[in-house]
Amino acid sequence: MFPIRLFAESIHTETKARIAKFRAREDGNATVEIVLWVPFFFILLMGVGQLALIFFGQTVALSAAQNATRAYSVGDITTQDEIRTFVEAELAGISTNVTVTSTITNGLITTFVSVPAGDLGGPLGFITQFGGMNIQSIAQQFKET
């Protein structure tokens, strides 16, 4: 029985040595840190993406307001209702809740466009705090004679 006991003790000693060597290794530390930090970076990335979509929507709304104001100033559009219809048609792909107000004062045409920020976030819908905000764009131009 003596040789079997020595064999068992040697296996036990080898196992202890392997466990001690395994515990001393630091190869897997980065994996744990990545698992902890990746969700935060993902949330940050999604938030930045949604903000980018909102700013893009604001740019599209401003462009639509400028195009409508320019068309009215050169006579392609003749009424303020046509300005509203033009801008709503330009923004139909982004939002159906567009508010357009146009005024003419002393030959200065002012077009005010307001779009809910929640409509501009695209499919992300990640940051819900922007849902109650409105993105506004104003375009002005003098009437050409």
C-alpha atoms as a PDB file:
ATOM      1  CA  MET A   1       0.000   0.000   0.000  1.00  0.00           C
ATOM      2  CA  PHE A   2       2.960   2.229   0.522  1.00  0.00           C
ATOM      3  CA  PRO A   3       3.585   2.922  -3.215  1.00  0.00           C
ATOM      4  CA  ILE A   4      -0.102   3.812  -3.821  1.00  0.00           C
ATOM      5  CA  ARG A   5      -0.077   6.286  -0.948  1.00  0.00           C
ATOM      6  CA  LEU A   6       3.061   7.977  -2.317  1.00  0.00           C
ATOM      7  CA  PHE A   7       1.455   8.159  -5.747  1.00  0.00           C
ATOM      8  CA  ALA A   8      -1.706   9.729  -4.289  1.00  0.00           C
ATOM      9  CA  GLU A   9       0.324  12.249  -2.301  1.00  0.00           C
ATOM     10  CA  SER A  10       2.350  13.191  -5.370  1.00  0.00           C
ATOM     11  CA  ILE A  11      -0.841  13.784  -7.385  1.00  0.00           C
ATOM     12  CA  HIS A  12      -2.205  15.877  -4.534  1.00  0.00           C
ATOM     13  CA  THR A  13       1.008  17.912  -4.401  1.00  0.00           C
ATOM     14  CA  GLU A  14       0.966  18.447  -8.193  1.00  0.00           C
ATOM     15  CA  THR A  15      -2.662  19.578  -8.054  1.00  0.00           C
ATOM     16  CA  LYS A  16      -1.884  22.070  -5.311  1.00  0.00           C
ATOM     17  CA  ALA A  17       1.037  23.396  -7.328  1.00  0.00           C
ATOM     18  CA  ARG A  18      -1.118  23.820 -10.444  1.00  0.00           C
ATOM     19  CA  ILE A  19      -3.842  25.611  -8.501  1.00  0.00           C
ATOM     20  CA  ALA A  20      -1.276  27.947  -6.941  1.00  0.00           C
ATOM     21  CA  LYS A  21       0.257  28.623 -10.356  1.00  0.00           C
ATOM     22  CA  PHE A  22      -3.220  29.241 -11.844  1.00  0.00           C
ATOM     23  CA  ARG A  23      -4.127  31.714  -9.090  1.00  0.00           C
ATOM     24  CA  ALA A  24      -0.886  33.627  -9.608  1.00  0.00           C
ATOM     25  CA  ARG A  25      -1.581  34.173 -13.318  1.00  0.00           C
ATOM     26  CA  GLU A  26      -3.080  37.505 -14.368  1.00  0.00           C
ATOM     27  CA  ASP A  27      -3.989  36.660 -17.955  1.00  0.00           C
ATOM     28  CA  GLY A  28      -7.782  36.855 -17.486  1.00  0.00           C
ATOM     29  CA  ASN A  29      -7.954  40.183 -15.646  1.00  0.00           C
ATOM     30  CA  ALA A  30      -8.633  42.171 -18.812  1.00  0.00           C
ATOM     31  CA  THR A  31     -11.627  39.994 -19.625  1.00  0.00           C
ATOM     32  CA  VAL A  32     -13.303  40.801 -16.330  1.00  0.00           C
ATOM     33  CA  GLU A  33     -12.696  44.517 -16.772  1.00  0.00           C
ATOM     34  CA  ILE A  34     -14.053  44.452 -20.316  1.00  0.00           C
ATOM     35  CA  VAL A  35     -17.206  42.673 -19.183  1.00  0.00           C
ATOM     36  CA  LEU A  36     -17.729  45.396 -16.580  1.00  0.00           C
ATOM     37  CA  TRP A  37     -17.040  48.405 -18.854  1.00  0.00           C
ATOM     38  CA  VAL A  38     -18.564  47.348 -22.192  1.00  0.00           C
ATOM     39  CA  PRO A  39     -22.182  48.072 -21.143  1.00  0.00           C
ATOM     40  CA  PHE A  40     -21.248  51.633 -20.176  1.00  0.00           C
ATOM     41  CA  PHE A  41     -19.498  52.239 -23.493  1.00  0.00           C
ATOM     42  CA  PHE A  42     -22.459  50.735 -25.350  1.00  0.00           C
ATOM     43  CA  ILE A  43     -24.879  53.058 -23.543  1.00  0.00           C
ATOM     44  CA  LEU A  44     -22.630  56.022 -24.312  1.00  0.00           C
ATOM     45  CA  LEU A  45     -22.397  55.046 -27.972  1.00  0.00           C
ATOM     46  CA  MET A  46     -26.173  54.689 -28.271  1.00  0.00           C
ATOM     47  CA  GLY A  47     -26.699  58.090 -26.644  1.00  0.00           C
ATOM     48  CA  VAL A  48     -24.233  59.772 -28.986  1.00  0.00           C
ATOM     49  CA  GLY A  49     -25.899  58.087 -31.963  1.00  0.00           C
ATOM     50  CA  GLN A  50     -29.325  59.330 -30.924  1.00  0.00           C
ATOM     51  CA  LEU A  51     -28.014  62.873 -30.406  1.00  0.00           C
ATOM     52  CA  ALA A  52     -26.449  62.747 -33.866  1.00  0.00           C
ATOM     53  CA  LEU A  53     -29.814  61.776 -35.356  1.00  0.00           C
ATOM     54  CA  ILE A  54     -31.494  64.659 -33.531  1.00  0.00           C
ATOM     55  CA  PHE A  55     -28.945  67.162 -34.846  1.00  0.00           C
ATOM     56  CA  PHE A  56     -29.311  65.701 -38.330  1.00  0.00           C
ATOM     57  CA  GLY A  57     -33.088  66.161 -38.083  1.00  0.00           C
ATOM     58  CA  GLN A  58     -32.594  69.765 -37.032  1.00  0.00           C
ATOM     59  CA  THR A  59     -30.406  70.331 -40.086  1.00  0.00           C
ATOM     60  CA  VAL A  60     -33.034  68.805 -42.379  1.00  0.00           C
ATOM     61  CA  ALA A  61     -35.739  70.999 -40.791  1.00  0.00           C
ATOM     62  CA  LEU A  62     -33.593  74.116 -41.280  1.00  0.00           C
ATOM     63  CA  SER A  63     -32.936  73.180 -44.893  1.00  0.00           C
ATOM     64  CA  ALA A  64     -36.664  72.710 -45.538  1.00  0.00           C
ATOM     65  CA  ALA A  65     -37.437  76.078 -43.934  1.00  0.00           C
ATOM     66  CA  GLN A  66     -34.740  77.793 -46.003  1.00  0.00           C
ATOM     67  CA  ASN A  67     -35.962  76.192 -49.241  1.00  0.00           C
ATOM     68  CA  ALA A  68     -39.570  77.215 -48.563  1.00  0.00           C
ATOM     69  CA  THR A  69     -38.564  80.757 -47.606  1.00  0.00           C
ATOM     70  CA  ARG A  70     -36.430  81.078 -50.722  1.00  0.00           C
ATOM     71  CA  ALA A  71     -39.227  79.743 -52.923  1.00  0.00           C
ATOM     72  CA  TYR A  72     -41.623  82.306 -51.444  1.00  0.00           C
ATOM     73  CA  SER A  73     -39.117  85.151 -51.853  1.00  0.00           C
ATOM     74  CA  VAL A  74     -38.688  84.481 -55.607  1.00  0.00           C
ATOM     75  CA  GLY A  75     -42.385  83.878 -56.204  1.00  0.00           C
ATOM     76  CA  ASP A  76     -42.439  80.099 -56.727  1.00  0.00           C
ATOM     77  CA  ILE A  77     -44.728  79.851 -53.693  1.00  0.00           C
ATOM     78  CA  THR A  78     -47.388  82.540 -53.313  1.00  0.00           C
ATOM     79  CA  THR A  79     -49.064  81.964 -49.923  1.00  0.00           C
ATOM     80  CA  GLN A  80     -48.053  81.173 -46.378  1.00  0.00           C
ATOM     81  CA  ASP A  81     -50.167  77.990 -46.490  1.00  0.00           C
ATOM     82  CA  GLU A  82     -48.045  76.793 -49.401  1.00  0.00           C
ATOM     83  CA  ILE A  83     -44.939  77.378 -47.269  1.00  0.00           C
ATOM     84  CA  ARG A  84     -46.430  75.202 -44.516  1.00  0.00           C
ATOM     85  CA  THR A  85     -47.396  72.492 -47.013  1.00  0.00           C
ATOM     86  CA  PHE A  86     -43.939  72.610 -48.626  1.00  0.00           C
ATOM     87  CA  VAL A  87     -42.102  72.228 -45.306  1.00  0.00           C
ATOM     88  CA  GLU A  88     -44.430  69.474 -44.082  1.00  0.00           C
ATOM     89  CA  ALA A  89     -43.863  67.567 -47.338  1.00  0.00           C
ATOM     90  CA  GLU A  90     -40.074  67.961 -46.975  1.00  0.00           C
ATOM     91  CA  LEU A  91     -40.185  66.627 -43.397  1.00  0.00           C
ATOM     92  CA  ALA A  92     -42.783  63.891 -43.955  1.00  0.00           C
ATOM     93  CA  GLY A  93     -40.089  61.204 -43.803  1.00  0.00           C
ATOM     94  CA  ILE A  94     -38.900  62.431 -40.420  1.00  0.00           C
ATOM     95  CA  SER A  95     -42.005  63.481 -38.527  1.00  0.00           C
ATOM     96  CA  THR A  96     -45.715  64.023 -38.964  1.00  0.00           C
ATOM     97  CA  ASN A  97     -45.879  66.386 -35.966  1.00  0.00           C
ATOM     98  CA  VAL A  98     -44.253  69.380 -37.662  1.00  0.00           C
ATOM     99  CA  THR A  99     -45.361  72.887 -36.694  1.00  0.00           C
ATOM    100  CA  VAL A 100     -44.693  75.554 -39.316  1.00  0.00           C
ATOM    101  CA  THR A 101     -45.340  79.267 -38.845  1.00  0.00           C
ATOM    102  CA  SER A 102     -44.503  81.834 -41.472  1.00  0.00           C
ATOM    103  CA  THR A 103     -44.693  85.618 -41.182  1.00  0.00           C
ATOM    104  CA  ILE A 104     -43.909  88.492 -43.491  1.00  0.00           C
ATOM    105  CA  THR A 105     -42.919  91.812 -41.908  1.00  0.00           C
ATOM    106  CA  ASN A 106     -41.591  94.731 -43.998  1.00  0.00           C
ATOM    107  CA  GLY A 107     -40.483  92.371 -46.771  1.00  0.00           C
ATOM    108  CA  LEU A 108     -38.713  89.985 -44.367  1.00  0.00           C
ATOM    109  CA  ILE A 109     -40.016  86.433 -44.619  1.00  0.00           C
ATOM    110  CA  THR A 110     -39.549  84.401 -41.446  1.00  0.00           C
ATOM    111  CA  THR A 111     -40.300  80.688 -41.355  1.00  0.00           C
ATOM    112  CA  PHE A 112     -40.315  78.963 -37.967  1.00  0.00           C
ATOM    113  CA  VAL A 113     -40.243  75.139 -37.900  1.00  0.00           C
ATOM    114  CA  SER A 114     -40.680  73.050 -34.751  1.00  0.00           C
ATOM    115  CA  VAL A 115     -40.305  69.264 -34.629  1.00  0.00           C
ATOM    116  CA  PRO A 116     -40.567  67.025 -31.528  1.00  0.00           C
ATOM    117  CA  ALA A 117     -37.120  65.676 -30.643  1.00  0.00           C
ATOM    118  CA  GLY A 118     -38.643  62.267 -29.925  1.00  0.00           C
ATOM    119  CA  ASP A 119     -39.508  61.963 -33.621  1.00  0.00           C
ATOM    120  CA  LEU A 120     -35.933  62.724 -34.669  1.00  0.00           C
ATOM    121  CA  GLY A 121     -34.274  60.037 -32.557  1.00  0.00           C
ATOM    122  CA  GLY A 122     -34.891  57.468 -35.257  1.00  0.00           C
ATOM    123  CA  PRO A 123     -35.255  53.804 -34.359  1.00  0.00           C
ATOM    124  CA  LEU A 124     -33.005  54.132 -31.317  1.00  0.00           C
ATOM    125  CA  GLY A 125     -35.475  55.711 -28.888  1.00  0.00           C
ATOM    126  CA  PHE A 126     -32.777  55.108 -26.328  1.00  0.00           C
ATOM    127  CA  ILE A 127     -32.789  58.404 -24.455  1.00  0.00           C
ATOM    128  CA  THR A 128     -36.387  59.130 -23.538  1.00  0.00           C
ATOM    129  CA  GLN A 129     -35.639  62.456 -21.837  1.00  0.00           C
ATOM    130  CA  PHE A 130     -35.641  64.167 -25.249  1.00  0.00           C
ATOM    131  CA  GLY A 131     -39.216  63.105 -25.958  1.00  0.00           C
ATOM    132  CA  GLY A 132     -40.758  66.265 -24.504  1.00  0.00           C
ATOM    133  CA  MET A 133     -38.363  68.673 -26.232  1.00  0.00           C
ATOM    134  CA  ASN A 134     -38.957  70.427 -29.536  1.00  0.00           C
ATOM    135  CA  ILE A 135     -36.212  71.117 -32.041  1.00  0.00           C
ATOM    136  CA  GLN A 136     -36.667  74.518 -33.643  1.00  0.00           C
ATOM    137  CA  SER A 137     -35.270  76.062 -36.797  1.00  0.00           C
ATOM    138  CA  ILE A 138     -35.777  79.575 -38.114  1.00  0.00           C
ATOM    139  CA  ALA A 139     -35.077  80.764 -41.660  1.00  0.00           C
ATOM    140  CA  GLN A 140     -35.287  84.387 -42.767  1.00  0.00           C
ATOM    141  CA  GLN A 141     -34.961  86.036 -46.134  1.00  0.00           C
ATOM    142  CA  PHE A 142     -36.002  89.299 -47.731  1.00  0.00           C
ATOM    143  CA  LYS A 143     -38.647  89.224 -50.450  1.00  0.00           C
ATOM    144  CA  GLU A 144     -37.050  89.780 -53.807  1.00  0.00           C
ATOM    145  CA  THR A 145     -38.597  92.370 -56.042  1.00  0.00           C
END
